[in-house]
Amino acid sequence: MIKFGEKLALILIGIITVGFYATFFLLSAKRSFIVVPVLVLAIFLYAIVNRSNIRPLFWRMYLYLQLGFLGLFLVVEWPAAQVLAVGLALAAALVTTLWSRRVSAPIVFVREKPLRRAVTIFLALAVFSYIAAFHTLLIFFSSLAGPVIIHFLLAMSVAIGTYLLWTLYYNSSIREFFIPLAVIFLLAVEASIIASLGSAGYFIRAFGITLLWYVAQLFIRFHFGNRDIVWSRQKFFLFGIGIVFLVFMFLIRFL
């Protein structure tokens, strides 16, 4: 059951998220001054309400998710897809708010596990959004320096998303994750460069890279725990991922 404090926090974070997109949308019309005071007030009230019930990583995760979905919002031109991007941003904000208030450590109760899975899904969608947005930017650069910077920033965004995802399961600093994150960074750079050489669209490239990233970070994450991988529990997941990847590789020839 959602408590009063949680309801108030959800309302405020909803206002902050919608206000953020409204401010950005109204910048072109020079009317953002209408929304900015409300946005600032909502952030101030939210900080007061959550002064003792907020995880340190919440704002980092919130900003990462919102910037990712903002990238998706800017990439798509179809109004319905832009509404979907804002809807995803709002849903992600609400879920991460509940997670930050209810869970103070990576060790969670069974009732909180669906909430953690939901945050994981939104982080994966944010990684997809970052990849799609950065691959869209590649068309604006003809020199070598531009694409190199884009691939570097893309890999950095993937590594940051990976770190935020791992903090949902393990209470470790970024220094302890440095080598695994470096591996993820290099994999993202290589996958991004290879994908950019093809003729597939931005979302197709982003889906393929995201799929490879998710499987890679999952197997790396398994090695952080004290228990060995129980392969019998992973066979259906691996089989499903294999089928999706084969179908993707087959259909990409026609896209």
C-alpha atoms as a PDB file:
ATOM      1  CA  MET A   1       0.000   0.000   0.000  1.00  0.00           C
ATOM      2  CA  ILE A   2       1.303   3.431  -0.932  1.00  0.00           C
ATOM      3  CA  LYS A   3       1.701   5.711   2.086  1.00  0.00           C
ATOM      4  CA  PHE A   4       0.866   9.423   2.151  1.00  0.00           C
ATOM      5  CA  GLY A   5       4.531  10.462   1.976  1.00  0.00           C
ATOM      6  CA  GLU A   6       5.045   8.220  -1.045  1.00  0.00           C
ATOM      7  CA  LYS A   7       1.940   9.616  -2.746  1.00  0.00           C
ATOM      8  CA  LEU A   8       3.186  13.165  -2.213  1.00  0.00           C
ATOM      9  CA  ALA A   9       6.630  12.230  -3.542  1.00  0.00           C
ATOM     10  CA  LEU A  10       5.083  10.588  -6.623  1.00  0.00           C
ATOM     11  CA  ILE A  11       2.934  13.647  -7.343  1.00  0.00           C
ATOM     12  CA  LEU A  12       5.922  15.977  -7.035  1.00  0.00           C
ATOM     13  CA  ILE A  13       8.243  13.838  -9.171  1.00  0.00           C
ATOM     14  CA  GLY A  14       5.465  13.634 -11.767  1.00  0.00           C
ATOM     15  CA  ILE A  15       5.216  17.429 -11.829  1.00  0.00           C
ATOM     16  CA  ILE A  16       9.015  17.708 -12.071  1.00  0.00           C
ATOM     17  CA  THR A  17       9.205  15.259 -14.985  1.00  0.00           C
ATOM     18  CA  VAL A  18       6.324  16.762 -16.957  1.00  0.00           C
ATOM     19  CA  GLY A  19       7.626  20.248 -16.172  1.00  0.00           C
ATOM     20  CA  PHE A  20      11.068  19.320 -17.474  1.00  0.00           C
ATOM     21  CA  TYR A  21       9.675  18.238 -20.850  1.00  0.00           C
ATOM     22  CA  ALA A  22       7.249  21.151 -20.972  1.00  0.00           C
ATOM     23  CA  THR A  23      10.102  23.592 -20.316  1.00  0.00           C
ATOM     24  CA  PHE A  24      12.200  22.048 -23.078  1.00  0.00           C
ATOM     25  CA  PHE A  25       9.239  22.011 -25.477  1.00  0.00           C
ATOM     26  CA  LEU A  26       8.354  25.645 -24.796  1.00  0.00           C
ATOM     27  CA  LEU A  27      11.911  26.938 -25.191  1.00  0.00           C
ATOM     28  CA  SER A  28      11.424  27.283 -28.943  1.00  0.00           C
ATOM     29  CA  ALA A  29       8.330  29.403 -28.369  1.00  0.00           C
ATOM     30  CA  LYS A  30      10.086  31.448 -25.644  1.00  0.00           C
ATOM     31  CA  ARG A  31       7.326  30.585 -23.180  1.00  0.00           C
ATOM     32  CA  SER A  32       9.300  28.405 -20.817  1.00  0.00           C
ATOM     33  CA  PHE A  33       9.051  31.134 -18.146  1.00  0.00           C
ATOM     34  CA  ILE A  34       5.496  29.884 -17.559  1.00  0.00           C
ATOM     35  CA  VAL A  35       6.688  26.458 -16.420  1.00  0.00           C
ATOM     36  CA  VAL A  36      10.093  27.162 -14.848  1.00  0.00           C
ATOM     37  CA  PRO A  37       8.779  28.597 -11.517  1.00  0.00           C
ATOM     38  CA  VAL A  38       6.521  25.573 -11.036  1.00  0.00           C
ATOM     39  CA  LEU A  39       9.405  23.236 -11.880  1.00  0.00           C
ATOM     40  CA  VAL A  40      11.769  24.934  -9.404  1.00  0.00           C
ATOM     41  CA  LEU A  41       9.121  24.915  -6.654  1.00  0.00           C
ATOM     42  CA  ALA A  42       8.361  21.226  -7.242  1.00  0.00           C
ATOM     43  CA  ILE A  43      12.071  20.327  -7.023  1.00  0.00           C
ATOM     44  CA  PHE A  44      12.374  22.315  -3.769  1.00  0.00           C
ATOM     45  CA  LEU A  45       9.342  20.616  -2.209  1.00  0.00           C
ATOM     46  CA  TYR A  46      10.503  17.208  -3.402  1.00  0.00           C
ATOM     47  CA  ALA A  47      13.897  17.727  -1.754  1.00  0.00           C
ATOM     48  CA  ILE A  48      12.139  18.577   1.533  1.00  0.00           C
ATOM     49  CA  VAL A  49       9.756  15.607   1.394  1.00  0.00           C
ATOM     50  CA  ASN A  50      12.573  13.160   0.588  1.00  0.00           C
ATOM     51  CA  ARG A  51      15.346  14.622   2.732  1.00  0.00           C
ATOM     52  CA  SER A  52      15.504  11.419   4.843  1.00  0.00           C
ATOM     53  CA  ASN A  53      14.032   8.856   2.452  1.00  0.00           C
ATOM     54  CA  ILE A  54      16.184   9.080  -0.633  1.00  0.00           C
ATOM     55  CA  ARG A  55      18.978   6.846  -1.840  1.00  0.00           C
ATOM     56  CA  PRO A  56      22.212   8.672  -2.767  1.00  0.00           C
ATOM     57  CA  LEU A  57      22.140   7.296  -6.305  1.00  0.00           C
ATOM     58  CA  PHE A  58      18.538   8.354  -6.970  1.00  0.00           C
ATOM     59  CA  TRP A  59      19.264  11.697  -8.620  1.00  0.00           C
ATOM     60  CA  ARG A  60      21.991  10.182 -10.764  1.00  0.00           C
ATOM     61  CA  MET A  61      19.618   7.458 -11.905  1.00  0.00           C
ATOM     62  CA  TYR A  62      16.788   9.941 -12.403  1.00  0.00           C
ATOM     63  CA  LEU A  63      18.926  12.260 -14.547  1.00  0.00           C
ATOM     64  CA  TYR A  64      20.319   9.339 -16.534  1.00  0.00           C
ATOM     65  CA  LEU A  65      16.835   8.041 -17.321  1.00  0.00           C
ATOM     66  CA  GLN A  66      15.426  11.456 -18.173  1.00  0.00           C
ATOM     67  CA  LEU A  67      18.310  12.408 -20.476  1.00  0.00           C
ATOM     68  CA  GLY A  68      17.988   9.045 -22.212  1.00  0.00           C
ATOM     69  CA  PHE A  69      14.276   9.428 -22.857  1.00  0.00           C
ATOM     70  CA  LEU A  70      14.854  13.056 -23.853  1.00  0.00           C
ATOM     71  CA  GLY A  71      17.207  11.741 -26.533  1.00  0.00           C
ATOM     72  CA  LEU A  72      14.456   9.410 -27.727  1.00  0.00           C
ATOM     73  CA  PHE A  73      11.997  12.320 -27.655  1.00  0.00           C
ATOM     74  CA  LEU A  74      14.282  14.376 -29.903  1.00  0.00           C
ATOM     75  CA  VAL A  75      15.043  11.536 -32.324  1.00  0.00           C
ATOM     76  CA  VAL A  76      11.474  10.582 -33.168  1.00  0.00           C
ATOM     77  CA  GLU A  77       9.315  12.925 -35.219  1.00  0.00           C
ATOM     78  CA  TRP A  78       6.003  11.101 -34.941  1.00  0.00           C
ATOM     79  CA  PRO A  79       3.883  12.903 -32.278  1.00  0.00           C
ATOM     80  CA  ALA A  80       2.546   9.625 -30.862  1.00  0.00           C
ATOM     81  CA  ALA A  81       6.112   8.361 -30.396  1.00  0.00           C
ATOM     82  CA  GLN A  82       7.070  11.593 -28.621  1.00  0.00           C
ATOM     83  CA  VAL A  83       4.134  11.153 -26.264  1.00  0.00           C
ATOM     84  CA  LEU A  84       5.332   7.587 -25.665  1.00  0.00           C
ATOM     85  CA  ALA A  85       8.821   8.875 -24.803  1.00  0.00           C
ATOM     86  CA  VAL A  86       7.381  11.319 -22.265  1.00  0.00           C
ATOM     87  CA  GLY A  87       5.179   8.535 -20.878  1.00  0.00           C
ATOM     88  CA  LEU A  88       8.212   6.292 -20.433  1.00  0.00           C
ATOM     89  CA  ALA A  89      10.088   9.122 -18.720  1.00  0.00           C
ATOM     90  CA  LEU A  90       7.190   9.710 -16.331  1.00  0.00           C
ATOM     91  CA  ALA A  91       6.751   6.008 -15.551  1.00  0.00           C
ATOM     92  CA  ALA A  92      10.497   5.629 -14.971  1.00  0.00           C
ATOM     93  CA  ALA A  93      10.475   8.604 -12.588  1.00  0.00           C
ATOM     94  CA  LEU A  94       7.584   7.164 -10.562  1.00  0.00           C
ATOM     95  CA  VAL A  95       9.109   3.690 -10.335  1.00  0.00           C
ATOM     96  CA  THR A  96      12.558   4.943  -9.323  1.00  0.00           C
ATOM     97  CA  THR A  97      10.966   7.180  -6.686  1.00  0.00           C
ATOM     98  CA  LEU A  98       9.156   4.224  -5.108  1.00  0.00           C
ATOM     99  CA  TRP A  99      12.347   2.171  -5.301  1.00  0.00           C
ATOM    100  CA  SER A 100      14.443   4.862  -3.620  1.00  0.00           C
ATOM    101  CA  ARG A 101      11.965   5.262  -0.753  1.00  0.00           C
ATOM    102  CA  ARG A 102      11.299   1.593  -0.071  1.00  0.00           C
ATOM    103  CA  VAL A 103      14.723   0.030  -0.538  1.00  0.00           C
ATOM    104  CA  SER A 104      17.814   1.309   1.248  1.00  0.00           C
ATOM    105  CA  ALA A 105      20.170  -1.564   0.290  1.00  0.00           C
ATOM    106  CA  PRO A 106      20.632  -3.973  -2.632  1.00  0.00           C
ATOM    107  CA  ILE A 107      19.295  -6.789  -0.396  1.00  0.00           C
ATOM    108  CA  VAL A 108      15.555  -6.649  -1.046  1.00  0.00           C
ATOM    109  CA  PHE A 109      12.516  -8.550   0.114  1.00  0.00           C
ATOM    110  CA  VAL A 110      10.476 -10.652  -2.292  1.00  0.00           C
ATOM    111  CA  ARG A 111       7.754  -7.998  -2.507  1.00  0.00           C
ATOM    112  CA  GLU A 112      10.304  -5.435  -3.736  1.00  0.00           C
ATOM    113  CA  LYS A 113      11.766  -7.628  -6.481  1.00  0.00           C
ATOM    114  CA  PRO A 114       9.132  -6.682  -9.102  1.00  0.00           C
ATOM    115  CA  LEU A 115       9.983  -3.032  -8.402  1.00  0.00           C
ATOM    116  CA  ARG A 116      13.669  -3.742  -8.978  1.00  0.00           C
ATOM    117  CA  ARG A 117      12.882  -5.569 -12.232  1.00  0.00           C
ATOM    118  CA  ALA A 118      10.838  -2.576 -13.370  1.00  0.00           C
ATOM    119  CA  VAL A 119      13.768  -0.216 -12.704  1.00  0.00           C
ATOM    120  CA  THR A 120      16.023  -2.636 -14.615  1.00  0.00           C
ATOM    121  CA  ILE A 121      13.663  -2.543 -17.608  1.00  0.00           C
ATOM    122  CA  PHE A 122      13.613   1.259 -17.631  1.00  0.00           C
ATOM    123  CA  LEU A 123      17.413   1.378 -17.456  1.00  0.00           C
ATOM    124  CA  ALA A 124      17.603  -0.994 -20.435  1.00  0.00           C
ATOM    125  CA  LEU A 125      15.150   1.217 -22.347  1.00  0.00           C
ATOM    126  CA  ALA A 126      17.261   4.261 -21.462  1.00  0.00           C
ATOM    127  CA  VAL A 127      20.392   2.540 -22.798  1.00  0.00           C
ATOM    128  CA  PHE A 128      18.477   1.820 -26.013  1.00  0.00           C
ATOM    129  CA  SER A 129      17.449   5.489 -26.198  1.00  0.00           C
ATOM    130  CA  TYR A 130      21.022   6.723 -25.745  1.00  0.00           C
ATOM    131  CA  ILE A 131      22.313   4.404 -28.467  1.00  0.00           C
ATOM    132  CA  ALA A 132      19.574   5.423 -30.911  1.00  0.00           C
ATOM    133  CA  ALA A 133      20.146   9.133 -30.221  1.00  0.00           C
ATOM    134  CA  PHE A 134      23.918   8.953 -30.647  1.00  0.00           C
ATOM    135  CA  HIS A 135      23.650   6.955 -33.870  1.00  0.00           C
ATOM    136  CA  THR A 136      21.302   9.622 -35.188  1.00  0.00           C
ATOM    137  CA  LEU A 137      24.016  12.226 -34.566  1.00  0.00           C
ATOM    138  CA  LEU A 138      26.459  10.325 -36.794  1.00  0.00           C
ATOM    139  CA  ILE A 139      24.797  11.715 -39.918  1.00  0.00           C
ATOM    140  CA  PHE A 140      25.959  15.244 -38.996  1.00  0.00           C
ATOM    141  CA  PHE A 141      29.674  14.382 -39.034  1.00  0.00           C
ATOM    142  CA  SER A 142      31.788  13.696 -42.104  1.00  0.00           C
ATOM    143  CA  SER A 143      35.257  13.947 -40.545  1.00  0.00           C
ATOM    144  CA  LEU A 144      36.879  11.220 -38.462  1.00  0.00           C
ATOM    145  CA  ALA A 145      36.902  13.160 -35.183  1.00  0.00           C
ATOM    146  CA  GLY A 146      33.106  13.486 -35.008  1.00  0.00           C
ATOM    147  CA  PRO A 147      32.237   9.766 -35.155  1.00  0.00           C
ATOM    148  CA  VAL A 148      35.069   8.940 -32.736  1.00  0.00           C
ATOM    149  CA  ILE A 149      33.613  11.338 -30.157  1.00  0.00           C
ATOM    150  CA  ILE A 150      30.091   9.993 -30.752  1.00  0.00           C
ATOM    151  CA  HIS A 151      31.154   6.363 -30.279  1.00  0.00           C
ATOM    152  CA  PHE A 152      33.078   7.355 -27.140  1.00  0.00           C
ATOM    153  CA  LEU A 153      30.078   9.175 -25.640  1.00  0.00           C
ATOM    154  CA  LEU A 154      27.791   6.284 -26.581  1.00  0.00           C
ATOM    155  CA  ALA A 155      30.044   3.789 -24.825  1.00  0.00           C
ATOM    156  CA  MET A 156      30.254   6.080 -21.781  1.00  0.00           C
ATOM    157  CA  SER A 157      26.462   6.267 -21.566  1.00  0.00           C
ATOM    158  CA  VAL A 158      26.234   2.464 -21.810  1.00  0.00           C
ATOM    159  CA  ALA A 159      28.873   2.051 -19.080  1.00  0.00           C
ATOM    160  CA  ILE A 160      27.076   4.510 -16.787  1.00  0.00           C
ATOM    161  CA  GLY A 161      23.769   2.716 -17.346  1.00  0.00           C
ATOM    162  CA  THR A 162      25.473  -0.584 -16.565  1.00  0.00           C
ATOM    163  CA  TYR A 163      26.874   0.788 -13.311  1.00  0.00           C
ATOM    164  CA  LEU A 164      23.475   2.112 -12.236  1.00  0.00           C
ATOM    165  CA  LEU A 165      21.902  -1.250 -13.045  1.00  0.00           C
ATOM    166  CA  TRP A 166      24.502  -3.164 -11.045  1.00  0.00           C
ATOM    167  CA  THR A 167      23.963  -0.915  -8.015  1.00  0.00           C
ATOM    168  CA  LEU A 168      20.427  -2.308  -7.844  1.00  0.00           C
ATOM    169  CA  TYR A 169      21.942  -5.674  -6.951  1.00  0.00           C
ATOM    170  CA  TYR A 170      25.301  -4.929  -5.310  1.00  0.00           C
ATOM    171  CA  ASN A 171      26.343  -2.212  -2.891  1.00  0.00           C
ATOM    172  CA  SER A 172      29.742  -1.501  -4.422  1.00  0.00           C
ATOM    173  CA  SER A 173      31.566   1.634  -5.501  1.00  0.00           C
ATOM    174  CA  ILE A 174      32.465   2.434  -9.089  1.00  0.00           C
ATOM    175  CA  ARG A 175      36.112   1.637  -8.306  1.00  0.00           C
ATOM    176  CA  GLU A 176      35.207  -1.987  -7.583  1.00  0.00           C
ATOM    177  CA  PHE A 177      33.348  -2.159 -10.902  1.00  0.00           C
ATOM    178  CA  PHE A 178      36.084  -0.391 -12.872  1.00  0.00           C
ATOM    179  CA  ILE A 179      37.480  -3.382 -14.806  1.00  0.00           C
ATOM    180  CA  PRO A 180      34.059  -4.914 -15.662  1.00  0.00           C
ATOM    181  CA  LEU A 181      32.823  -1.485 -16.736  1.00  0.00           C
ATOM    182  CA  ALA A 182      35.933  -1.040 -18.891  1.00  0.00           C
ATOM    183  CA  VAL A 183      35.055  -4.327 -20.611  1.00  0.00           C
ATOM    184  CA  ILE A 184      31.492  -3.113 -21.192  1.00  0.00           C
ATOM    185  CA  PHE A 185      32.856   0.189 -22.527  1.00  0.00           C
ATOM    186  CA  LEU A 186      35.106  -1.543 -25.069  1.00  0.00           C
ATOM    187  CA  LEU A 187      32.317  -3.914 -26.137  1.00  0.00           C
ATOM    188  CA  ALA A 188      29.980  -0.957 -26.650  1.00  0.00           C
ATOM    189  CA  VAL A 189      32.562   0.928 -28.733  1.00  0.00           C
ATOM    190  CA  GLU A 190      33.225  -2.075 -30.949  1.00  0.00           C
ATOM    191  CA  ALA A 191      29.537  -2.937 -31.366  1.00  0.00           C
ATOM    192  CA  SER A 192      28.697   0.690 -32.156  1.00  0.00           C
ATOM    193  CA  ILE A 193      31.417   0.998 -34.805  1.00  0.00           C
ATOM    194  CA  ILE A 194      30.407  -2.278 -36.468  1.00  0.00           C
ATOM    195  CA  ALA A 195      26.716  -1.311 -36.433  1.00  0.00           C
ATOM    196  CA  SER A 196      27.474   2.094 -37.979  1.00  0.00           C
ATOM    197  CA  LEU A 197      29.118   0.412 -40.968  1.00  0.00           C
ATOM    198  CA  GLY A 198      25.845  -1.249 -41.943  1.00  0.00           C
ATOM    199  CA  SER A 199      22.807   0.214 -43.655  1.00  0.00           C
ATOM    200  CA  ALA A 200      20.249  -0.570 -40.942  1.00  0.00           C
ATOM    201  CA  GLY A 201      18.239   2.215 -39.336  1.00  0.00           C
ATOM    202  CA  TYR A 202      19.036   3.819 -36.007  1.00  0.00           C
ATOM    203  CA  PHE A 203      16.477   1.877 -33.999  1.00  0.00           C
ATOM    204  CA  ILE A 204      17.522  -1.430 -35.553  1.00  0.00           C
ATOM    205  CA  ARG A 205      21.146  -0.727 -34.658  1.00  0.00           C
ATOM    206  CA  ALA A 206      20.149   0.337 -31.160  1.00  0.00           C
ATOM    207  CA  PHE A 207      18.099  -2.813 -30.619  1.00  0.00           C
ATOM    208  CA  GLY A 208      20.948  -5.080 -31.706  1.00  0.00           C
ATOM    209  CA  ILE A 209      23.544  -3.305 -29.558  1.00  0.00           C
ATOM    210  CA  THR A 210      21.192  -3.207 -26.564  1.00  0.00           C
ATOM    211  CA  LEU A 211      20.498  -6.921 -26.876  1.00  0.00           C
ATOM    212  CA  LEU A 212      24.214  -7.771 -26.922  1.00  0.00           C
ATOM    213  CA  TRP A 213      24.895  -5.347 -24.068  1.00  0.00           C
ATOM    214  CA  TYR A 214      22.184  -6.787 -21.842  1.00  0.00           C
ATOM    215  CA  VAL A 215      23.413 -10.359 -22.215  1.00  0.00           C
ATOM    216  CA  ALA A 216      27.054  -9.293 -21.687  1.00  0.00           C
ATOM    217  CA  GLN A 217      26.362  -7.266 -18.537  1.00  0.00           C
ATOM    218  CA  LEU A 218      24.141 -10.035 -17.187  1.00  0.00           C
ATOM    219  CA  PHE A 219      26.858 -12.682 -17.387  1.00  0.00           C
ATOM    220  CA  ILE A 220      29.425 -10.282 -15.944  1.00  0.00           C
ATOM    221  CA  ARG A 221      27.035  -9.431 -13.108  1.00  0.00           C
ATOM    222  CA  PHE A 222      26.573 -13.110 -12.260  1.00  0.00           C
ATOM    223  CA  HIS A 223      30.258 -13.306 -11.326  1.00  0.00           C
ATOM    224  CA  PHE A 224      29.900 -10.648  -8.631  1.00  0.00           C
ATOM    225  CA  GLY A 225      27.854 -12.904  -6.362  1.00  0.00           C
ATOM    226  CA  ASN A 226      29.091 -15.558  -3.964  1.00  0.00           C
ATOM    227  CA  ARG A 227      27.022 -18.287  -5.581  1.00  0.00           C
ATOM    228  CA  ASP A 228      27.790 -19.971  -8.880  1.00  0.00           C
ATOM    229  CA  ILE A 229      25.497 -19.577 -11.871  1.00  0.00           C
ATOM    230  CA  VAL A 230      22.598 -22.028 -11.756  1.00  0.00           C
ATOM    231  CA  TRP A 231      22.458 -22.846 -15.448  1.00  0.00           C
ATOM    232  CA  SER A 232      19.222 -24.820 -15.135  1.00  0.00           C
ATOM    233  CA  ARG A 233      17.446 -21.589 -14.172  1.00  0.00           C
ATOM    234  CA  GLN A 234      18.948 -19.708 -17.104  1.00  0.00           C
ATOM    235  CA  LYS A 235      18.224 -22.177 -19.897  1.00  0.00           C
ATOM    236  CA  PHE A 236      14.826 -20.719 -20.822  1.00  0.00           C
ATOM    237  CA  PHE A 237      16.198 -17.177 -20.745  1.00  0.00           C
ATOM    238  CA  LEU A 238      19.197 -18.129 -22.882  1.00  0.00           C
ATOM    239  CA  PHE A 239      16.976 -20.050 -25.286  1.00  0.00           C
ATOM    240  CA  GLY A 240      14.637 -17.061 -25.615  1.00  0.00           C
ATOM    241  CA  ILE A 241      17.523 -14.639 -26.159  1.00  0.00           C
ATOM    242  CA  GLY A 242      18.992 -16.987 -28.767  1.00  0.00           C
ATOM    243  CA  ILE A 243      15.701 -17.143 -30.668  1.00  0.00           C
ATOM    244  CA  VAL A 244      15.299 -13.354 -30.555  1.00  0.00           C
ATOM    245  CA  PHE A 245      18.858 -12.854 -31.800  1.00  0.00           C
ATOM    246  CA  LEU A 246      18.429 -15.343 -34.672  1.00  0.00           C
ATOM    247  CA  VAL A 247      15.147 -13.730 -35.730  1.00  0.00           C
ATOM    248  CA  PHE A 248      16.791 -10.304 -35.504  1.00  0.00           C
ATOM    249  CA  MET A 249      19.752 -11.391 -37.656  1.00  0.00           C
ATOM    250  CA  PHE A 250      17.356 -12.882 -40.215  1.00  0.00           C
ATOM    251  CA  LEU A 251      15.062  -9.859 -40.432  1.00  0.00           C
ATOM    252  CA  ILE A 252      17.848  -7.273 -40.495  1.00  0.00           C
ATOM    253  CA  ARG A 253      18.664  -8.288 -44.068  1.00  0.00           C
ATOM    254  CA  PHE A 254      15.297  -6.910 -45.199  1.00  0.00           C
ATOM    255  CA  LEU A 255      15.390  -3.682 -43.146  1.00  0.00           C
END
